[in-house]
C-alpha atoms as a PDB file:
ATOM      1  CA  MET A   1      31.677  11.616 -11.382  1.00  0.00           C
ATOM      2  CA  PHE A   2      29.004  14.247 -11.783  1.00  0.00           C
ATOM      3  CA  HIS A   3      29.948  17.688 -12.887  1.00  0.00           C
ATOM      4  CA  LYS A   4      26.944  19.593 -11.574  1.00  0.00           C
ATOM      5  CA  VAL A   5      25.651  22.573 -13.437  1.00  0.00           C
ATOM      6  CA  LYS A   6      25.498  25.867 -11.566  1.00  0.00           C
ATOM      7  CA  ASN A   7      24.211  28.228 -14.248  1.00  0.00           C
ATOM      8  CA  VAL A   8      23.255  28.178 -17.953  1.00  0.00           C
ATOM      9  CA  ASN A   9      22.661  30.910 -20.469  1.00  0.00           C
ATOM     10  CA  ALA A  10      21.412  30.725 -24.039  1.00  0.00           C
ATOM     11  CA  LEU A  11      23.747  32.267 -26.653  1.00  0.00           C
ATOM     12  CA  PRO A  12      23.269  33.014 -30.369  1.00  0.00           C
ATOM     13  CA  ASP A  13      23.486  30.170 -32.935  1.00  0.00           C
ATOM     14  CA  TYR A  14      22.037  27.559 -30.596  1.00  0.00           C
ATOM     15  CA  LYS A  15      24.928  27.581 -28.212  1.00  0.00           C
ATOM     16  CA  LEU A  16      24.803  27.489 -24.401  1.00  0.00           C
ATOM     17  CA  SER A  17      27.188  28.946 -21.844  1.00  0.00           C
ATOM     18  CA  VAL A  18      27.218  26.327 -19.079  1.00  0.00           C
ATOM     19  CA  GLN A  19      28.868  27.096 -15.754  1.00  0.00           C
ATOM     20  CA  PHE A  20      29.690  24.078 -13.599  1.00  0.00           C
ATOM     21  CA  CYS A  21      29.993  23.990  -9.803  1.00  0.00           C
ATOM     22  CA  GLU A  22      33.763  23.545 -10.130  1.00  0.00           C
ATOM     23  CA  GLY A  23      33.952  27.056 -11.540  1.00  0.00           C
ATOM     24  CA  VAL A  24      34.565  25.916 -15.131  1.00  0.00           C
ATOM     25  CA  THR A  25      32.466  27.499 -17.912  1.00  0.00           C
ATOM     26  CA  LYS A  26      32.026  25.656 -21.192  1.00  0.00           C
ATOM     27  CA  ILE A  27      30.180  26.327 -24.430  1.00  0.00           C
ATOM     28  CA  TYR A  28      27.788  23.628 -25.688  1.00  0.00           C
ATOM     29  CA  ASP A  29      26.438  23.630 -29.219  1.00  0.00           C
ATOM     30  CA  ILE A  30      23.085  21.969 -29.481  1.00  0.00           C
ATOM     31  CA  ALA A  31      22.753  22.440 -33.269  1.00  0.00           C
ATOM     32  CA  PRO A  32      24.079  18.930 -34.061  1.00  0.00           C
ATOM     33  CA  LEU A  33      21.305  17.451 -31.873  1.00  0.00           C
ATOM     34  CA  PHE A  34      18.568  18.684 -34.187  1.00  0.00           C
ATOM     35  CA  GLU A  35      19.429  16.069 -36.821  1.00  0.00           C
ATOM     36  CA  LYS A  36      20.175  13.298 -34.351  1.00  0.00           C
ATOM     37  CA  TYR A  37      17.196  13.643 -32.040  1.00  0.00           C
ATOM     38  CA  GLY A  38      13.831  14.988 -33.255  1.00  0.00           C
ATOM     39  CA  PHE A  39      12.717  16.003 -29.788  1.00  0.00           C
ATOM     40  CA  PHE A  40      15.213  18.906 -29.919  1.00  0.00           C
ATOM     41  CA  LEU A  41      13.567  20.386 -33.082  1.00  0.00           C
ATOM     42  CA  PRO A  42      11.122  22.630 -31.149  1.00  0.00           C
ATOM     43  CA  LEU A  43      14.128  24.593 -29.840  1.00  0.00           C
ATOM     44  CA  LYS A  44      15.142  25.356 -33.423  1.00  0.00           C
ATOM     45  CA  GLY A  45      11.732  26.675 -34.320  1.00  0.00           C
ATOM     46  CA  SER A  46      11.291  28.799 -31.216  1.00  0.00           C
ATOM     47  CA  PRO A  47      13.932  31.289 -30.037  1.00  0.00           C
ATOM     48  CA  GLU A  48      11.722  32.030 -27.015  1.00  0.00           C
ATOM     49  CA  LEU A  49      11.732  28.364 -25.983  1.00  0.00           C
ATOM     50  CA  PHE A  50      15.490  28.044 -26.593  1.00  0.00           C
ATOM     51  CA  SER A  51      16.133  31.062 -24.393  1.00  0.00           C
ATOM     52  CA  SER A  52      13.990  29.670 -21.537  1.00  0.00           C
ATOM     53  CA  VAL A  53      16.632  27.038 -20.576  1.00  0.00           C
ATOM     54  CA  ILE A  54      17.246  26.563 -16.840  1.00  0.00           C
ATOM     55  CA  VAL A  55      19.304  24.374 -14.556  1.00  0.00           C
ATOM     56  CA  ASP A  56      17.448  21.268 -13.437  1.00  0.00           C
ATOM     57  CA  GLN A  57      16.893  20.872  -9.718  1.00  0.00           C
ATOM     58  CA  GLY A  58      20.105  19.581  -8.150  1.00  0.00           C
ATOM     59  CA  GLY A  59      22.305  20.625 -11.026  1.00  0.00           C
ATOM     60  CA  TYR A  60      22.191  17.262 -12.764  1.00  0.00           C
ATOM     61  CA  GLY A  61      21.399  18.796 -16.150  1.00  0.00           C
ATOM     62  CA  ILE A  62      19.488  21.549 -17.910  1.00  0.00           C
ATOM     63  CA  ILE A  63      15.889  21.591 -19.009  1.00  0.00           C
ATOM     64  CA  TRP A  64      13.526  23.508 -21.276  1.00  0.00           C
ATOM     65  CA  ASN A  65      10.340  21.637 -20.489  1.00  0.00           C
ATOM     66  CA  ASP A  66       9.125  18.115 -19.568  1.00  0.00           C
ATOM     67  CA  ASP A  67      10.248  16.758 -22.918  1.00  0.00           C
ATOM     68  CA  ILE A  68      13.592  18.419 -23.559  1.00  0.00           C
ATOM     69  CA  ASP A  69      16.662  18.151 -21.321  1.00  0.00           C
ATOM     70  CA  ILE A  70      20.419  17.469 -21.387  1.00  0.00           C
ATOM     71  CA  SER A  71      22.378  15.754 -18.619  1.00  0.00           C
ATOM     72  CA  CYS A  72      25.332  17.327 -16.846  1.00  0.00           C
ATOM     73  CA  ASP A  73      27.614  14.552 -18.037  1.00  0.00           C
ATOM     74  CA  GLU A  74      26.703  15.184 -21.649  1.00  0.00           C
ATOM     75  CA  LEU A  75      27.288  18.913 -21.221  1.00  0.00           C
ATOM     76  CA  TRP A  76      30.638  18.358 -19.565  1.00  0.00           C
ATOM     77  CA  ALA A  77      31.942  15.704 -22.049  1.00  0.00           C
ATOM     78  CA  ASN A  78      30.846  17.446 -25.232  1.00  0.00           C
ATOM     79  CA  SER A  79      31.424  21.125 -24.551  1.00  0.00           C
ATOM     80  CA  GLY A  80      34.279  23.305 -25.736  1.00  0.00           C
END
């Protein structure tokens, strides 16, 4: 089941406030991804890029650019 994303906001310390279409809001910490996946490192080096996060068309995830995204399932499953 997809938990589509309705809205996303960048927070301090590389956290994201993710609001899902069901009305649930969760906090997702992307900091652990910096060590696991190198393609997330540009977000660590650029607060402007990190803050530019948007919901992907259709709500199936969030994106920063053509190279950096996170799926709605990942956000739902691994958010607090």
